[in-house]
Amino acid sequence: MPCHTRQQGRQEATGEKPAGKQGGNGKGKAKPKSSAASKHNKEQEKKAKELLCMLERSQQIVDRVVGEADRFPSEWTWCKPLLQEFRCKQEEFQKTLNPAGAEDLTEFINEFRLSIITPAALKDLKKNHKDNYFQLLSVFIDRCNSICEQMNHTASKIDNMAKAMMTASAGSVAGTPKPKKKTRKATGLVKQ
C-alpha cells in the first residue's frame, strides 16, 4: 500500500488535482497561447498607445502656442492658418472615430486613453471588452493612423515655427546694442 499524505488523501476524496498539475499538461503551467497571435496583439496595443501619445503631444503643443497667441496676438498672427488646419484635422479625427454606417470607437478610445495609465485599469478594460478588445484596437489603428500622423505633422510645424520665432525674438533682444553710457569729460576750466 503506497504512503499517502493527508493532503493527497483529501485531494483524492474531494477530486482535486494535486498542486502543480492544474494546467493539464503535467508541468503545472497553462498551455501558452499562439506566440504569433500574442506578439501581433502586443504590437497592436503598442501602436494604439503610440497614436494616443502622438495625439496628446500634438494637443499640448497647440495649447501652448494658443496660450502665447492669446497673450501676444500681434506677434503670433503667423500661426492662425496652422491652428485652423490643426482644428480641421481634429474634426476629421472625431469623424474618423465615428464614421457614418460604422462602429463608433469614441467611447472605447476614451476608455483606452484613461486605462493606459495603469496596468490594472488596462486589464479591466481588456476584461470588459473580452474578444473585441484587440479587434477594436485594430480598427482604431486602421482608421486613425493617417489622421494622427497628419495632426502630429501639423503640430510639429507649429512647434518648429514657434521655437524659431522665440529664438529670433530672443536674438533680436540680445543682439540689440545697448546704448552707451555718456561719459562726461572733464573740461579743463583751469585758467592759466
Protein backbone atom coordinates (compact mmCIF):
# COMPACT_ATOMS: atom_id res chain seq x y z
CA MET A 1 0.00 0.00 0.00
CA PRO A 2 1.52 3.35 -1.05
CA CYS A 3 2.19 6.06 1.53
CA HIS A 4 -0.27 8.93 1.34
CA THR A 5 -0.03 12.32 2.95
CA ARG A 6 -3.11 13.93 4.43
CA GLN A 7 -3.21 16.41 1.57
CA GLN A 8 -3.10 13.60 -1.02
CA GLY A 9 -5.86 11.76 0.81
CA ARG A 10 -8.02 14.90 0.97
CA GLN A 11 -7.39 15.60 -2.72
CA GLU A 12 -8.42 12.09 -3.68
CA ALA A 13 -11.56 12.34 -1.54
CA THR A 14 -12.63 15.72 -2.95
CA GLY A 15 -11.48 15.08 -6.50
CA GLU A 16 -8.95 17.92 -6.51
CA LYS A 17 -5.88 17.71 -8.69
CA PRO A 18 -2.53 17.83 -6.93
CA ALA A 19 -0.87 21.26 -6.81
CA GLY A 20 1.36 21.91 -9.79
CA LYS A 21 -0.67 19.77 -12.16
CA GLN A 22 -3.65 22.00 -12.78
CA GLY A 23 -2.59 23.20 -16.21
CA GLY A 24 -3.45 19.91 -17.86
CA ASN A 25 -0.07 19.36 -19.49
CA GLY A 26 1.57 17.81 -16.41
CA LYS A 27 4.07 20.63 -15.95
CA GLY A 28 1.97 22.91 -13.76
CA LYS A 29 1.66 25.60 -16.40
CA ALA A 30 -1.22 26.51 -18.65
CA LYS A 31 -0.71 25.94 -22.34
CA PRO A 32 0.79 29.05 -23.92
CA LYS A 33 -1.21 30.99 -26.47
CA SER A 34 -0.02 31.13 -30.01
CA SER A 35 3.11 33.26 -29.83
CA ALA A 36 2.47 34.85 -33.24
CA ALA A 37 -1.02 35.98 -32.24
CA SER A 38 0.21 37.19 -28.87
CA LYS A 39 3.06 39.13 -30.49
CA HIS A 40 0.65 40.68 -33.01
CA ASN A 41 -1.73 41.72 -30.21
CA LYS A 42 1.10 43.33 -28.25
CA GLU A 43 2.20 45.21 -31.37
CA GLN A 44 -1.38 46.41 -31.95
CA GLU A 45 -1.63 47.62 -28.37
CA LYS A 46 1.75 49.36 -28.61
CA LYS A 47 0.79 51.08 -31.89
CA ALA A 48 -2.52 52.28 -30.42
CA LYS A 49 -0.68 53.69 -27.40
CA GLU A 50 1.79 55.45 -29.71
CA LEU A 51 -1.07 57.03 -31.66
CA LEU A 52 -2.67 58.32 -28.47
CA CYS A 53 0.69 59.69 -27.28
CA MET A 54 1.11 61.41 -30.63
CA LEU A 55 -2.32 63.00 -30.26
CA GLU A 56 -1.60 64.13 -26.71
CA ARG A 57 1.75 65.65 -27.67
CA SER A 58 0.16 67.45 -30.60
CA GLN A 59 -2.58 68.85 -28.39
CA GLN A 60 -0.07 70.06 -25.79
CA ILE A 61 1.94 71.90 -28.45
CA VAL A 62 -1.16 73.57 -29.83
CA ASP A 63 -2.43 74.52 -26.36
CA ARG A 64 0.92 76.12 -25.51
CA VAL A 65 1.00 78.13 -28.74
CA VAL A 66 -2.64 79.19 -28.36
CA GLY A 67 -1.82 80.44 -24.86
CA GLU A 68 1.05 82.53 -26.21
CA ALA A 69 -1.07 83.78 -29.10
CA ASP A 70 -3.76 84.92 -26.68
CA ARG A 71 -1.20 86.84 -24.63
CA PHE A 72 0.54 88.49 -27.60
CA PRO A 73 -1.87 88.37 -30.55
CA SER A 74 0.08 90.69 -32.85
CA GLU A 75 3.26 88.61 -32.59
CA TRP A 76 1.50 85.29 -33.20
CA THR A 77 -0.64 86.07 -36.25
CA TRP A 78 1.54 83.73 -38.33
CA CYS A 79 0.14 80.69 -36.51
CA LYS A 80 -3.56 81.29 -37.23
CA PRO A 81 -3.64 79.33 -40.53
CA LEU A 82 -1.74 76.41 -38.98
CA LEU A 83 -4.01 76.39 -35.93
CA GLN A 84 -7.05 76.36 -38.22
CA GLU A 85 -5.52 73.44 -40.15
CA PHE A 86 -4.99 71.59 -36.86
CA ARG A 87 -8.59 72.19 -35.79
CA CYS A 88 -9.83 70.83 -39.12
CA LYS A 89 -7.74 67.71 -38.59
CA GLN A 90 -9.16 67.34 -35.06
CA GLU A 91 -12.67 67.40 -36.50
CA GLU A 92 -11.66 64.87 -39.13
CA PHE A 93 -10.22 62.65 -36.36
CA GLN A 94 -13.55 62.75 -34.49
CA LYS A 95 -15.39 61.86 -37.69
CA THR A 96 -12.95 59.03 -38.30
CA LEU A 97 -13.69 57.60 -34.86
CA ASN A 98 -17.40 57.63 -35.63
CA PRO A 99 -17.98 57.37 -39.38
CA ALA A 100 -21.49 57.05 -40.76
CA GLY A 101 -22.55 53.43 -41.06
CA ALA A 102 -19.66 52.01 -38.99
CA GLU A 103 -18.96 51.22 -35.37
CA ASP A 104 -18.38 54.19 -33.07
CA LEU A 105 -14.97 53.90 -31.41
CA THR A 106 -15.17 57.15 -29.42
CA GLU A 107 -16.20 55.60 -26.09
CA PHE A 108 -13.72 52.73 -26.38
CA ILE A 109 -10.82 55.06 -27.22
CA ASN A 110 -11.70 57.39 -24.36
CA GLU A 111 -11.70 54.38 -22.01
CA PHE A 112 -8.43 53.14 -23.52
CA ARG A 113 -6.85 56.59 -23.11
CA LEU A 114 -7.65 56.54 -19.40
CA SER A 115 -6.69 52.87 -18.99
CA ILE A 116 -3.17 53.02 -20.35
CA ILE A 117 -2.07 54.93 -17.28
CA THR A 118 -2.21 51.88 -15.01
CA PRO A 119 -1.82 48.17 -15.77
CA ALA A 120 -4.79 47.29 -13.55
CA ALA A 121 -7.11 49.62 -15.46
CA LEU A 122 -5.86 48.22 -18.77
CA LYS A 123 -6.50 44.69 -17.54
CA ASP A 124 -10.06 45.68 -16.57
CA LEU A 125 -10.63 47.21 -20.00
CA LYS A 126 -9.44 44.02 -21.68
CA LYS A 127 -11.74 42.02 -19.42
CA ASN A 128 -14.73 44.27 -20.18
CA HIS A 129 -14.24 44.04 -23.94
CA LYS A 130 -13.02 40.41 -23.97
CA ASP A 131 -12.65 39.19 -27.55
CA ASN A 132 -13.40 42.61 -29.08
CA TYR A 133 -10.50 44.40 -27.39
CA PHE A 134 -7.82 43.67 -29.97
CA GLN A 135 -10.31 43.94 -32.82
CA LEU A 136 -11.28 47.44 -31.65
CA LEU A 137 -7.62 48.42 -31.37
CA SER A 138 -7.01 47.16 -34.88
CA VAL A 139 -9.96 49.14 -36.26
CA PHE A 140 -8.73 52.25 -34.42
CA ILE A 141 -5.26 51.90 -35.93
CA ASP A 142 -6.59 51.26 -39.43
CA ARG A 143 -8.98 54.22 -39.33
CA CYS A 144 -6.95 56.78 -37.43
CA ASN A 145 -3.26 56.15 -38.14
CA SER A 146 -3.11 58.53 -41.09
CA ILE A 147 -5.01 61.41 -39.48
CA CYS A 148 -3.00 61.09 -36.24
CA GLU A 149 0.23 61.37 -38.21
CA GLN A 150 -1.14 64.40 -40.10
CA MET A 151 -2.10 66.09 -36.83
CA ASN A 152 1.35 65.37 -35.42
CA HIS A 153 2.99 66.80 -38.54
CA THR A 154 0.94 69.99 -38.32
CA ALA A 155 1.68 70.35 -34.61
CA SER A 156 5.40 69.83 -35.30
CA LYS A 157 5.32 72.61 -37.92
CA ILE A 158 3.65 74.89 -35.39
CA ASP A 159 6.21 73.95 -32.73
CA ASN A 160 9.20 74.45 -35.03
CA MET A 161 7.95 77.84 -36.17
CA ALA A 162 7.21 78.87 -32.58
CA LYS A 163 10.72 77.88 -31.50
CA ALA A 164 12.23 79.75 -34.44
CA MET A 165 10.18 82.82 -33.59
CA MET A 166 11.19 82.65 -29.94
CA THR A 167 14.85 82.24 -30.90
CA ALA A 168 14.65 85.15 -33.34
CA SER A 169 12.95 87.42 -30.83
CA ALA A 170 15.43 86.41 -28.11
CA GLY A 171 18.27 87.02 -30.54
CA SER A 172 16.99 90.44 -31.52
CA VAL A 173 16.66 91.45 -27.90
CA ALA A 174 20.11 90.08 -27.08
CA GLY A 175 21.63 91.40 -30.30
CA THR A 176 20.33 94.91 -29.87
CA PRO A 177 23.23 97.08 -28.91
CA LYS A 178 22.78 98.70 -25.57
CA PRO A 179 23.03 102.45 -25.58
CA LYS A 180 26.42 103.51 -24.44
CA LYS A 181 26.63 105.48 -21.29
CA LYS A 182 27.57 109.02 -21.96
CA THR A 183 30.65 109.89 -20.13
CA ARG A 184 31.31 113.41 -19.25
CA LYS A 185 34.73 114.55 -19.99
CA ALA A 186 36.14 116.92 -17.56
CA THR A 187 36.56 120.15 -19.31
CA GLY A 188 39.64 121.98 -18.44
CA LEU A 189 38.47 125.20 -16.94
CA VAL A 190 41.76 125.88 -15.38
CA LYS A 191 42.95 129.43 -16.02
CA GLN A 192 46.50 129.98 -16.80
